[in-house]
Amino acid sequence: MSNLVLFSELRQRLLDHLDLVSRIAVDGDGTSALSMTRQEVPRLVAALRVLVDEHQPDEHGHCRKCRRGPLWRRVSSPCRLLLNVHLAAGASTSTTRDRLCWRPRRHRIGGT
């Protein structure tokens, strides 16, 4: 199996898995969504941490992972990947106060 075929297969499996997780979170019943969330959120957080750790700046402020190539092509930190992950994860839309004050919703018995 060539690297391209293997890469394509791994990529497609990951995309299919992410689609399934997203569908269950949005359209699944409460029990399924809660079960999936408890399993998948820690895994997704770990995956994002790997990306963040790989894309740290060097002593000159260039992304260590994206800095390949001539000096004039080096990418400043934060690099495009880190910015895209930051925006997609919604990290820029919540404030520190919002995160510290977060409380789970409590559902009342009787539907009110």
C-alpha atoms as a PDB file:
ATOM      1  CA  MET A   1       0.000   0.000   0.000  1.00  0.00           C
ATOM      2  CA  SER A   2       1.514   3.320  -0.978  1.00  0.00           C
ATOM      3  CA  ASN A   3       1.860   6.194   1.464  1.00  0.00           C
ATOM      4  CA  LEU A   4      -0.736   8.187  -0.460  1.00  0.00           C
ATOM      5  CA  VAL A   5      -3.317   5.397  -0.221  1.00  0.00           C
ATOM      6  CA  LEU A   6      -2.581   4.870   3.462  1.00  0.00           C
ATOM      7  CA  PHE A   7      -2.765   8.612   4.164  1.00  0.00           C
ATOM      8  CA  SER A   8      -6.062   8.881   2.269  1.00  0.00           C
ATOM      9  CA  GLU A   9      -7.520   5.930   4.181  1.00  0.00           C
ATOM     10  CA  LEU A  10      -6.453   7.286   7.580  1.00  0.00           C
ATOM     11  CA  ARG A  11      -7.747  10.742   6.710  1.00  0.00           C
ATOM     12  CA  GLN A  12     -11.116   9.404   5.549  1.00  0.00           C
ATOM     13  CA  ARG A  13     -11.521   7.248   8.667  1.00  0.00           C
ATOM     14  CA  LEU A  14     -10.818  10.247  10.870  1.00  0.00           C
ATOM     15  CA  LEU A  15     -13.276  12.433   8.963  1.00  0.00           C
ATOM     16  CA  ASP A  16     -15.952   9.705   9.144  1.00  0.00           C
ATOM     17  CA  HIS A  17     -15.393   9.355  12.894  1.00  0.00           C
ATOM     18  CA  LEU A  18     -15.619  13.113  13.437  1.00  0.00           C
ATOM     19  CA  ASP A  19     -18.834  13.217  11.380  1.00  0.00           C
ATOM     20  CA  LEU A  20     -20.322  10.453  13.549  1.00  0.00           C
ATOM     21  CA  VAL A  21     -19.335  12.218  16.777  1.00  0.00           C
ATOM     22  CA  SER A  22     -20.827  15.460  15.512  1.00  0.00           C
ATOM     23  CA  ARG A  23     -24.084  13.809  14.404  1.00  0.00           C
ATOM     24  CA  ILE A  24     -24.548  12.081  17.760  1.00  0.00           C
ATOM     25  CA  ALA A  25     -23.807  15.309  19.648  1.00  0.00           C
ATOM     26  CA  VAL A  26     -26.345  17.269  17.584  1.00  0.00           C
ATOM     27  CA  ASP A  27     -29.038  14.724  16.727  1.00  0.00           C
ATOM     28  CA  GLY A  28     -28.599  11.900  19.246  1.00  0.00           C
ATOM     29  CA  ASP A  29     -30.833  11.324  22.230  1.00  0.00           C
ATOM     30  CA  GLY A  30     -29.590  12.574  25.591  1.00  0.00           C
ATOM     31  CA  THR A  31     -28.204   9.238  26.741  1.00  0.00           C
ATOM     32  CA  SER A  32     -26.266   8.633  23.518  1.00  0.00           C
ATOM     33  CA  ALA A  33     -24.946  12.193  23.418  1.00  0.00           C
ATOM     34  CA  LEU A  34     -23.815  12.069  27.052  1.00  0.00           C
ATOM     35  CA  SER A  35     -22.126   8.692  26.629  1.00  0.00           C
ATOM     36  CA  MET A  36     -20.383   9.797  23.445  1.00  0.00           C
ATOM     37  CA  THR A  37     -19.319  13.091  25.020  1.00  0.00           C
ATOM     38  CA  ARG A  38     -17.718  11.376  27.992  1.00  0.00           C
ATOM     39  CA  GLN A  39     -15.742   9.100  25.676  1.00  0.00           C
ATOM     40  CA  GLU A  40     -14.853  11.451  22.842  1.00  0.00           C
ATOM     41  CA  VAL A  41     -14.245  14.869  24.405  1.00  0.00           C
ATOM     42  CA  PRO A  42     -11.137  13.764  26.350  1.00  0.00           C
ATOM     43  CA  ARG A  43      -9.776  12.123  23.167  1.00  0.00           C
ATOM     44  CA  LEU A  44     -10.434  15.217  21.057  1.00  0.00           C
ATOM     45  CA  VAL A  45      -8.856  17.452  23.696  1.00  0.00           C
ATOM     46  CA  ALA A  46      -5.781  15.187  23.743  1.00  0.00           C
ATOM     47  CA  ALA A  47      -5.556  15.358  19.936  1.00  0.00           C
ATOM     48  CA  LEU A  48      -5.758  19.149  19.985  1.00  0.00           C
ATOM     49  CA  ARG A  49      -3.080  19.289  22.699  1.00  0.00           C
ATOM     50  CA  VAL A  50      -0.754  17.285  20.439  1.00  0.00           C
ATOM     51  CA  LEU A  51      -1.243  19.862  17.665  1.00  0.00           C
ATOM     52  CA  VAL A  52      -0.732  22.788  20.029  1.00  0.00           C
ATOM     53  CA  ASP A  53       2.409  21.216  21.505  1.00  0.00           C
ATOM     54  CA  GLU A  54       3.887  20.573  18.037  1.00  0.00           C
ATOM     55  CA  HIS A  55       3.326  24.160  16.899  1.00  0.00           C
ATOM     56  CA  GLN A  56       5.270  26.065  19.563  1.00  0.00           C
ATOM     57  CA  PRO A  57       7.563  28.954  18.690  1.00  0.00           C
ATOM     58  CA  ASP A  58      11.326  28.583  18.665  1.00  0.00           C
ATOM     59  CA  GLU A  59      13.700  31.128  20.210  1.00  0.00           C
ATOM     60  CA  HIS A  60      13.141  33.437  17.202  1.00  0.00           C
ATOM     61  CA  GLY A  61       9.336  33.308  17.348  1.00  0.00           C
ATOM     62  CA  HIS A  62       8.913  30.922  14.407  1.00  0.00           C
ATOM     63  CA  CYS A  63       6.659  27.898  14.579  1.00  0.00           C
ATOM     64  CA  ARG A  64       8.873  24.834  15.123  1.00  0.00           C
ATOM     65  CA  LYS A  65       6.657  22.593  12.994  1.00  0.00           C
ATOM     66  CA  CYS A  66       6.022  25.038  10.131  1.00  0.00           C
ATOM     67  CA  ARG A  67       9.507  26.574   9.937  1.00  0.00           C
ATOM     68  CA  ARG A  68      10.850  24.327   7.203  1.00  0.00           C
ATOM     69  CA  GLY A  69      12.419  26.039   4.248  1.00  0.00           C
ATOM     70  CA  PRO A  70      14.532  29.142   3.707  1.00  0.00           C
ATOM     71  CA  LEU A  71      14.602  31.887   6.310  1.00  0.00           C
ATOM     72  CA  TRP A  72      12.284  34.103   4.257  1.00  0.00           C
ATOM     73  CA  ARG A  73       9.633  31.362   4.243  1.00  0.00           C
ATOM     74  CA  ARG A  74       9.619  30.684   7.978  1.00  0.00           C
ATOM     75  CA  VAL A  75       6.257  31.101   9.620  1.00  0.00           C
ATOM     76  CA  SER A  76       5.859  33.363  12.633  1.00  0.00           C
ATOM     77  CA  SER A  77       4.046  31.977  15.629  1.00  0.00           C
ATOM     78  CA  PRO A  78       1.162  31.567  15.974  1.00  0.00           C
ATOM     79  CA  CYS A  79       1.146  29.750  12.658  1.00  0.00           C
ATOM     80  CA  ARG A  80      -1.896  29.304  10.418  1.00  0.00           C
ATOM     81  CA  LEU A  81      -2.685  25.840  11.802  1.00  0.00           C
ATOM     82  CA  LEU A  82      -2.693  27.039  15.394  1.00  0.00           C
ATOM     83  CA  LEU A  83      -4.880  30.030  14.510  1.00  0.00           C
ATOM     84  CA  ASN A  84      -7.350  27.816  12.606  1.00  0.00           C
ATOM     85  CA  VAL A  85      -7.595  25.331  15.494  1.00  0.00           C
ATOM     86  CA  HIS A  86      -8.064  28.212  17.928  1.00  0.00           C
ATOM     87  CA  LEU A  87     -10.922  29.656  15.886  1.00  0.00           C
ATOM     88  CA  ALA A  88     -12.570  26.290  15.139  1.00  0.00           C
ATOM     89  CA  ALA A  89     -12.488  25.289  18.817  1.00  0.00           C
ATOM     90  CA  GLY A  90     -14.278  28.507  19.754  1.00  0.00           C
ATOM     91  CA  ALA A  91     -11.506  29.507  22.124  1.00  0.00           C
ATOM     92  CA  SER A  92     -11.675  33.089  20.901  1.00  0.00           C
ATOM     93  CA  THR A  93     -15.411  33.466  21.550  1.00  0.00           C
ATOM     94  CA  SER A  94     -15.485  32.805  25.286  1.00  0.00           C
ATOM     95  CA  THR A  95     -13.836  34.963  27.883  1.00  0.00           C
ATOM     96  CA  THR A  96     -11.911  33.727  30.880  1.00  0.00           C
ATOM     97  CA  ARG A  97     -14.789  34.901  33.076  1.00  0.00           C
ATOM     98  CA  ASP A  98     -17.258  32.831  31.033  1.00  0.00           C
ATOM     99  CA  ARG A  99     -15.128  29.715  31.458  1.00  0.00           C
ATOM    100  CA  LEU A 100     -14.647  30.245  35.195  1.00  0.00           C
ATOM    101  CA  CYS A 101     -18.334  30.940  35.813  1.00  0.00           C
ATOM    102  CA  TRP A 102     -19.647  28.015  33.773  1.00  0.00           C
ATOM    103  CA  ARG A 103     -22.195  25.885  35.579  1.00  0.00           C
ATOM    104  CA  PRO A 104     -24.038  22.869  34.177  1.00  0.00           C
ATOM    105  CA  ARG A 105     -27.697  23.423  33.428  1.00  0.00           C
ATOM    106  CA  ARG A 106     -30.034  21.943  35.959  1.00  0.00           C
ATOM    107  CA  HIS A 107     -33.237  20.582  34.545  1.00  0.00           C
ATOM    108  CA  ARG A 108     -36.327  20.909  36.643  1.00  0.00           C
ATOM    109  CA  ILE A 109     -38.626  17.989  37.091  1.00  0.00           C
ATOM    110  CA  GLY A 110     -41.954  18.657  35.466  1.00  0.00           C
ATOM    111  CA  GLY A 111     -40.521  20.400  32.396  1.00  0.00           C
ATOM    112  CA  THR A 112     -40.394  23.962  33.745  1.00  0.00           C
END
